[in-house]
Amino acid sequence: MTTRTGSHFNCLEYELSSLVPELADMPHVGTMLNPSALESCLESWNMTMVFDPQKEPPALVAVVHDRWEW
């Protein structure tokens, strides 16, 4: 599993603003789960968690799920 703050994954790393610009300014963490011998982007599972920093503790307010289409 790969995680990165401020990123979004859809097999490759992207800016969240390229997909959901209204969420891009909020703190977010991109995660990607794929097999150790990735042969195709169809095998990757991608999720970005978006948080509201105004809440205490910061609250999860959105999850962006990306998966390549078959």
N, C-alpha and C. Protein backbone atom coordinates (compact mmCIF):
# COMPACT_ATOMS: atom_id res chain seq x y z
N MET A 1 0.85 -1.17 0.00
CA MET A 1 0.00 0.00 0.00
C MET A 1 0.90 1.24 0.00
N THR A 2 0.52 2.20 -0.80
CA THR A 2 1.21 3.49 -0.87
C THR A 2 0.27 4.56 -0.35
N THR A 3 0.75 5.45 0.51
CA THR A 3 -0.03 6.60 0.96
C THR A 3 0.81 7.86 0.78
N ARG A 4 0.14 8.94 0.46
CA ARG A 4 0.86 10.20 0.29
C ARG A 4 -0.09 11.36 0.59
N THR A 5 0.35 12.25 1.48
CA THR A 5 -0.47 13.43 1.78
C THR A 5 -0.43 14.39 0.60
N GLY A 6 -1.58 15.01 0.34
CA GLY A 6 -1.67 16.00 -0.73
C GLY A 6 -1.69 15.42 -2.13
N SER A 7 -1.92 14.10 -2.25
CA SER A 7 -1.93 13.46 -3.56
C SER A 7 -3.22 12.67 -3.77
N HIS A 8 -3.45 12.32 -5.01
CA HIS A 8 -4.55 11.44 -5.40
C HIS A 8 -3.97 10.40 -6.35
N PHE A 9 -4.38 9.17 -6.18
CA PHE A 9 -3.90 8.10 -7.05
C PHE A 9 -5.03 7.54 -7.91
N ASN A 10 -4.71 7.25 -9.14
CA ASN A 10 -5.55 6.47 -10.03
C ASN A 10 -4.57 5.66 -10.87
N CYS A 11 -3.95 4.68 -10.23
CA CYS A 11 -2.84 3.89 -10.76
C CYS A 11 -1.56 4.73 -10.73
N LEU A 12 -1.61 5.94 -11.21
CA LEU A 12 -0.49 6.89 -11.12
C LEU A 12 -0.87 8.01 -10.17
N GLU A 13 0.09 8.82 -9.80
CA GLU A 13 -0.17 9.93 -8.87
C GLU A 13 -0.64 11.17 -9.65
N TYR A 14 -1.72 11.79 -9.14
CA TYR A 14 -2.30 12.97 -9.76
C TYR A 14 -2.57 14.02 -8.70
N GLU A 15 -2.82 15.24 -9.12
CA GLU A 15 -3.32 16.29 -8.24
C GLU A 15 -4.82 16.06 -8.10
N LEU A 16 -5.35 16.17 -6.88
CA LEU A 16 -6.78 16.00 -6.68
C LEU A 16 -7.57 17.06 -7.44
N SER A 17 -6.98 18.23 -7.63
CA SER A 17 -7.66 19.32 -8.36
C SER A 17 -8.00 18.94 -9.79
N SER A 18 -7.29 17.98 -10.37
CA SER A 18 -7.59 17.57 -11.75
C SER A 18 -8.87 16.76 -11.84
N LEU A 19 -9.33 16.23 -10.70
CA LEU A 19 -10.54 15.41 -10.69
C LEU A 19 -11.69 16.07 -9.93
N VAL A 20 -11.39 16.58 -8.75
CA VAL A 20 -12.42 17.19 -7.89
C VAL A 20 -11.88 18.51 -7.34
N PRO A 21 -11.89 19.57 -8.15
CA PRO A 21 -11.27 20.83 -7.74
C PRO A 21 -11.85 21.42 -6.45
N GLU A 22 -13.14 21.19 -6.18
CA GLU A 22 -13.75 21.77 -4.98
C GLU A 22 -13.24 21.14 -3.68
N LEU A 23 -12.59 19.99 -3.75
CA LEU A 23 -12.03 19.35 -2.56
C LEU A 23 -10.51 19.53 -2.45
N ALA A 24 -9.88 20.00 -3.49
CA ALA A 24 -8.42 20.01 -3.56
C ALA A 24 -7.74 20.90 -2.52
N ASP A 25 -8.42 21.94 -2.04
CA ASP A 25 -7.81 22.84 -1.05
C ASP A 25 -7.88 22.28 0.36
N MET A 26 -8.66 21.23 0.56
CA MET A 26 -8.77 20.63 1.89
C MET A 26 -7.66 19.61 2.07
N PRO A 27 -7.22 19.37 3.30
CA PRO A 27 -6.19 18.36 3.53
C PRO A 27 -6.68 16.99 3.05
N HIS A 28 -5.81 16.27 2.35
CA HIS A 28 -6.21 14.96 1.84
C HIS A 28 -5.02 14.02 1.78
N VAL A 29 -5.35 12.73 1.83
CA VAL A 29 -4.34 11.68 1.79
C VAL A 29 -4.76 10.67 0.73
N GLY A 30 -3.90 10.46 -0.25
CA GLY A 30 -4.16 9.47 -1.30
C GLY A 30 -3.59 8.12 -0.90
N THR A 31 -4.33 7.07 -1.19
CA THR A 31 -3.87 5.71 -0.93
C THR A 31 -4.03 4.87 -2.18
N MET A 32 -3.10 3.96 -2.38
CA MET A 32 -3.16 3.05 -3.52
C MET A 32 -2.76 1.66 -3.03
N LEU A 33 -3.58 0.70 -3.35
CA LEU A 33 -3.31 -0.68 -2.98
C LEU A 33 -3.25 -1.48 -4.27
N ASN A 34 -2.15 -2.20 -4.46
CA ASN A 34 -2.05 -3.04 -5.64
C ASN A 34 -1.17 -4.25 -5.32
N PRO A 35 -1.29 -5.29 -6.15
CA PRO A 35 -0.46 -6.47 -5.91
C PRO A 35 1.02 -6.14 -6.14
N SER A 36 1.89 -6.94 -5.53
CA SER A 36 3.33 -6.67 -5.65
C SER A 36 3.81 -6.78 -7.10
N ALA A 37 3.14 -7.59 -7.89
CA ALA A 37 3.52 -7.74 -9.30
C ALA A 37 2.41 -7.14 -10.17
N LEU A 38 2.23 -5.83 -10.06
CA LEU A 38 1.19 -5.13 -10.81
C LEU A 38 1.42 -5.30 -12.31
N GLU A 39 0.43 -5.83 -12.99
CA GLU A 39 0.53 -6.02 -14.44
C GLU A 39 -0.33 -5.03 -15.21
N SER A 40 -1.33 -4.46 -14.54
CA SER A 40 -2.25 -3.56 -15.22
C SER A 40 -2.87 -2.62 -14.20
N CYS A 41 -3.23 -1.43 -14.64
CA CYS A 41 -3.91 -0.49 -13.76
C CYS A 41 -5.27 -1.04 -13.31
N LEU A 42 -5.80 -2.00 -14.03
CA LEU A 42 -7.05 -2.62 -13.62
C LEU A 42 -6.92 -3.33 -12.29
N GLU A 43 -5.72 -3.63 -11.87
CA GLU A 43 -5.48 -4.33 -10.61
C GLU A 43 -5.30 -3.38 -9.42
N SER A 44 -5.25 -2.09 -9.67
CA SER A 44 -5.02 -1.15 -8.57
C SER A 44 -6.35 -0.71 -7.95
N TRP A 45 -6.28 -0.39 -6.67
CA TRP A 45 -7.42 0.13 -5.92
C TRP A 45 -6.97 1.44 -5.31
N ASN A 46 -7.73 2.51 -5.53
CA ASN A 46 -7.28 3.85 -5.18
C ASN A 46 -8.36 4.60 -4.41
N MET A 47 -7.95 5.31 -3.37
CA MET A 47 -8.89 6.06 -2.55
C MET A 47 -8.17 7.28 -1.98
N THR A 48 -8.85 8.42 -2.01
CA THR A 48 -8.32 9.63 -1.38
C THR A 48 -9.28 10.06 -0.29
N MET A 49 -8.77 10.22 0.90
CA MET A 49 -9.58 10.67 2.04
C MET A 49 -9.37 12.16 2.24
N VAL A 50 -10.48 12.90 2.34
CA VAL A 50 -10.44 14.36 2.45
C VAL A 50 -10.97 14.75 3.84
N PHE A 51 -10.25 15.66 4.50
CA PHE A 51 -10.56 16.03 5.87
C PHE A 51 -10.94 17.51 6.01
N ASP A 52 -11.78 17.79 6.99
CA ASP A 52 -12.14 19.17 7.34
C ASP A 52 -11.27 19.58 8.52
N PRO A 53 -10.31 20.48 8.32
CA PRO A 53 -9.40 20.86 9.40
C PRO A 53 -10.05 21.77 10.44
N GLN A 54 -11.26 22.28 10.15
CA GLN A 54 -11.95 23.15 11.10
C GLN A 54 -12.54 22.35 12.26
N LYS A 55 -12.71 21.06 12.08
CA LYS A 55 -13.24 20.19 13.14
C LYS A 55 -12.11 19.77 14.06
N GLU A 56 -12.46 19.45 15.29
CA GLU A 56 -11.44 18.99 16.25
C GLU A 56 -11.90 17.69 16.88
N PRO A 57 -11.29 16.59 16.63
CA PRO A 57 -10.17 16.40 15.71
C PRO A 57 -10.65 16.52 14.26
N PRO A 58 -9.74 16.72 13.30
CA PRO A 58 -10.14 16.83 11.90
C PRO A 58 -11.05 15.68 11.49
N ALA A 59 -12.12 16.01 10.79
CA ALA A 59 -13.13 15.01 10.43
C ALA A 59 -13.03 14.62 8.96
N LEU A 60 -13.24 13.35 8.70
CA LEU A 60 -13.32 12.85 7.33
C LEU A 60 -14.62 13.34 6.71
N VAL A 61 -14.53 14.07 5.59
CA VAL A 61 -15.73 14.64 4.98
C VAL A 61 -16.01 14.09 3.59
N ALA A 62 -15.02 13.44 2.98
CA ALA A 62 -15.23 12.88 1.64
C ALA A 62 -14.20 11.79 1.37
N VAL A 63 -14.61 10.84 0.55
CA VAL A 63 -13.70 9.81 0.07
C VAL A 63 -13.88 9.74 -1.44
N VAL A 64 -12.80 9.89 -2.16
CA VAL A 64 -12.82 9.82 -3.63
C VAL A 64 -12.23 8.48 -4.01
N HIS A 65 -13.03 7.65 -4.63
CA HIS A 65 -12.59 6.32 -5.04
C HIS A 65 -12.34 6.34 -6.55
N ASP A 66 -11.20 5.86 -6.95
CA ASP A 66 -10.88 5.80 -8.38
C ASP A 66 -10.45 4.40 -8.75
N ARG A 67 -10.98 3.93 -9.85
CA ARG A 67 -10.60 2.62 -10.34
C ARG A 67 -10.71 2.64 -11.87
N TRP A 68 -9.73 2.08 -12.49
CA TRP A 68 -9.76 2.02 -13.94
C TRP A 68 -10.93 1.16 -14.38
N GLU A 69 -11.56 1.57 -15.46
CA GLU A 69 -12.71 0.83 -16.00
C GLU A 69 -12.26 -0.40 -16.77
N TRP A 70 -13.06 -1.41 -16.72
CA TRP A 70 -12.77 -2.66 -17.43
C TRP A 70 -12.93 -2.49 -18.90
